Amino acid sequence: MTENFLYYAPVILIVLVFLIQERIVVTPEQLEKKHREIIKDVEHRFATLDSFEDLKGQFVEMKDKIDKIYDCLILK
């Protein structure tokens, strides 16, 4: 078994160096850093669900007020 390992050791070493050099294999620290970057980018580009619901509620209130003004103008 160790003979097979020693026979394939240079190939295994070259493959590992290639994977690390091309950043195909990442460390947990690199993964966490990228995760933080993605979260920060998403926060800047997109609205949260809470702010969307608040804005939606404001539009409903504005629509109701406009409907009331329209009704008042038609009745007079």
C-alpha atoms as a PDB file:
ATOM      1  CA  MET A   1       0.000   0.000   0.000  1.00  0.00           C
ATOM      2  CA  THR A   2       2.758   2.469   0.860  1.00  0.00           C
ATOM      3  CA  GLU A   3       4.489   1.481  -2.377  1.00  0.00           C
ATOM      4  CA  ASN A   4       1.452   2.678  -4.339  1.00  0.00           C
ATOM      5  CA  PHE A   5       1.371   5.890  -2.343  1.00  0.00           C
ATOM      6  CA  LEU A   6       5.049   6.559  -2.985  1.00  0.00           C
ATOM      7  CA  TYR A   7       4.578   5.767  -6.674  1.00  0.00           C
ATOM      8  CA  TYR A   8       1.704   8.268  -7.041  1.00  0.00           C
ATOM      9  CA  ALA A   9       3.032  10.860  -4.554  1.00  0.00           C
ATOM     10  CA  PRO A  10       4.482  13.233  -7.204  1.00  0.00           C
ATOM     11  CA  VAL A  11       1.212  13.199  -9.163  1.00  0.00           C
ATOM     12  CA  ILE A  12      -0.829  13.787  -6.009  1.00  0.00           C
ATOM     13  CA  LEU A  13       1.468  16.634  -5.022  1.00  0.00           C
ATOM     14  CA  ILE A  14       1.209  18.288  -8.449  1.00  0.00           C
ATOM     15  CA  VAL A  15      -2.597  17.997  -8.423  1.00  0.00           C
ATOM     16  CA  LEU A  16      -2.824  19.509  -4.923  1.00  0.00           C
ATOM     17  CA  VAL A  17      -0.517  22.392  -5.851  1.00  0.00           C
ATOM     18  CA  PHE A  18      -2.575  23.056  -8.990  1.00  0.00           C
ATOM     19  CA  LEU A  19      -5.851  23.053  -7.032  1.00  0.00           C
ATOM     20  CA  ILE A  20      -4.481  25.449  -4.429  1.00  0.00           C
ATOM     21  CA  GLN A  21      -2.825  27.703  -7.010  1.00  0.00           C
ATOM     22  CA  GLU A  22      -5.987  28.005  -9.110  1.00  0.00           C
ATOM     23  CA  ARG A  23      -8.039  28.619  -5.941  1.00  0.00           C
ATOM     24  CA  ILE A  24     -10.332  25.697  -6.647  1.00  0.00           C
ATOM     25  CA  VAL A  25     -10.003  24.600  -3.046  1.00  0.00           C
ATOM     26  CA  VAL A  26     -10.645  27.365  -0.503  1.00  0.00           C
ATOM     27  CA  THR A  27     -10.074  27.613   3.199  1.00  0.00           C
ATOM     28  CA  PRO A  28     -12.947  28.294   5.606  1.00  0.00           C
ATOM     29  CA  GLU A  29     -11.442  31.738   6.258  1.00  0.00           C
ATOM     30  CA  GLN A  30     -11.558  32.626   2.551  1.00  0.00           C
ATOM     31  CA  LEU A  31     -15.095  31.305   2.339  1.00  0.00           C
ATOM     32  CA  GLU A  32     -16.212  33.406   5.318  1.00  0.00           C
ATOM     33  CA  LYS A  33     -14.584  36.516   3.826  1.00  0.00           C
ATOM     34  CA  LYS A  34     -16.387  36.017   0.515  1.00  0.00           C
ATOM     35  CA  HIS A  35     -19.654  35.384   2.375  1.00  0.00           C
ATOM     36  CA  ARG A  36     -19.305  38.733   4.184  1.00  0.00           C
ATOM     37  CA  GLU A  37     -18.592  40.502   0.874  1.00  0.00           C
ATOM     38  CA  ILE A  38     -21.693  38.985  -0.715  1.00  0.00           C
ATOM     39  CA  ILE A  39     -23.901  39.933   2.260  1.00  0.00           C
ATOM     40  CA  LYS A  40     -22.589  43.527   2.174  1.00  0.00           C
ATOM     41  CA  ASP A  41     -23.187  43.757  -1.585  1.00  0.00           C
ATOM     42  CA  VAL A  42     -26.738  42.418  -1.221  1.00  0.00           C
ATOM     43  CA  GLU A  43     -27.507  44.943   1.545  1.00  0.00           C
ATOM     44  CA  HIS A  44     -26.448  47.800  -0.735  1.00  0.00           C
ATOM     45  CA  ARG A  45     -28.266  46.623  -3.851  1.00  0.00           C
ATOM     46  CA  PHE A  46     -31.558  45.247  -2.563  1.00  0.00           C
ATOM     47  CA  ALA A  47     -34.269  46.366  -0.163  1.00  0.00           C
ATOM     48  CA  THR A  48     -35.101  44.290   2.858  1.00  0.00           C
ATOM     49  CA  LEU A  49     -38.460  42.569   3.102  1.00  0.00           C
ATOM     50  CA  ASP A  50     -39.466  44.813   6.022  1.00  0.00           C
ATOM     51  CA  SER A  51     -38.761  48.027   4.104  1.00  0.00           C
ATOM     52  CA  PHE A  52     -40.601  46.640   1.083  1.00  0.00           C
ATOM     53  CA  GLU A  53     -43.664  45.839   3.189  1.00  0.00           C
ATOM     54  CA  ASP A  54     -43.556  49.343   4.741  1.00  0.00           C
ATOM     55  CA  LEU A  55     -43.367  50.953   1.317  1.00  0.00           C
ATOM     56  CA  LYS A  56     -46.199  48.760   0.077  1.00  0.00           C
ATOM     57  CA  GLY A  57     -48.321  49.847   3.031  1.00  0.00           C
ATOM     58  CA  GLN A  58     -47.588  53.496   2.302  1.00  0.00           C
ATOM     59  CA  PHE A  59     -48.722  53.036  -1.305  1.00  0.00           C
ATOM     60  CA  VAL A  60     -51.971  51.473  -0.102  1.00  0.00           C
ATOM     61  CA  GLU A  61     -52.545  54.421   2.246  1.00  0.00           C
ATOM     62  CA  MET A  62     -51.826  56.901  -0.557  1.00  0.00           C
ATOM     63  CA  LYS A  63     -54.235  55.084  -2.859  1.00  0.00           C
ATOM     64  CA  ASP A  64     -56.968  55.203  -0.207  1.00  0.00           C
ATOM     65  CA  LYS A  65     -56.404  58.939   0.305  1.00  0.00           C
ATOM     66  CA  ILE A  66     -56.484  59.614  -3.432  1.00  0.00           C
ATOM     67  CA  ASP A  67     -59.691  57.599  -3.730  1.00  0.00           C
ATOM     68  CA  LYS A  68     -61.254  59.679  -0.919  1.00  0.00           C
ATOM     69  CA  ILE A  69     -60.223  62.942  -2.613  1.00  0.00           C
ATOM     70  CA  TYR A  70     -61.612  61.674  -5.917  1.00  0.00           C
ATOM     71  CA  ASP A  71     -64.877  60.720  -4.251  1.00  0.00           C
ATOM     72  CA  CYS A  72     -65.150  64.168  -2.633  1.00  0.00           C
ATOM     73  CA  LEU A  73     -64.565  65.905  -5.962  1.00  0.00           C
ATOM     74  CA  ILE A  74     -67.168  63.804  -7.771  1.00  0.00           C
ATOM     75  CA  LEU A  75     -69.832  64.302  -5.083  1.00  0.00           C
ATOM     76  CA  LYS A  76     -69.523  68.100  -5.109  1.00  0.00           C
END
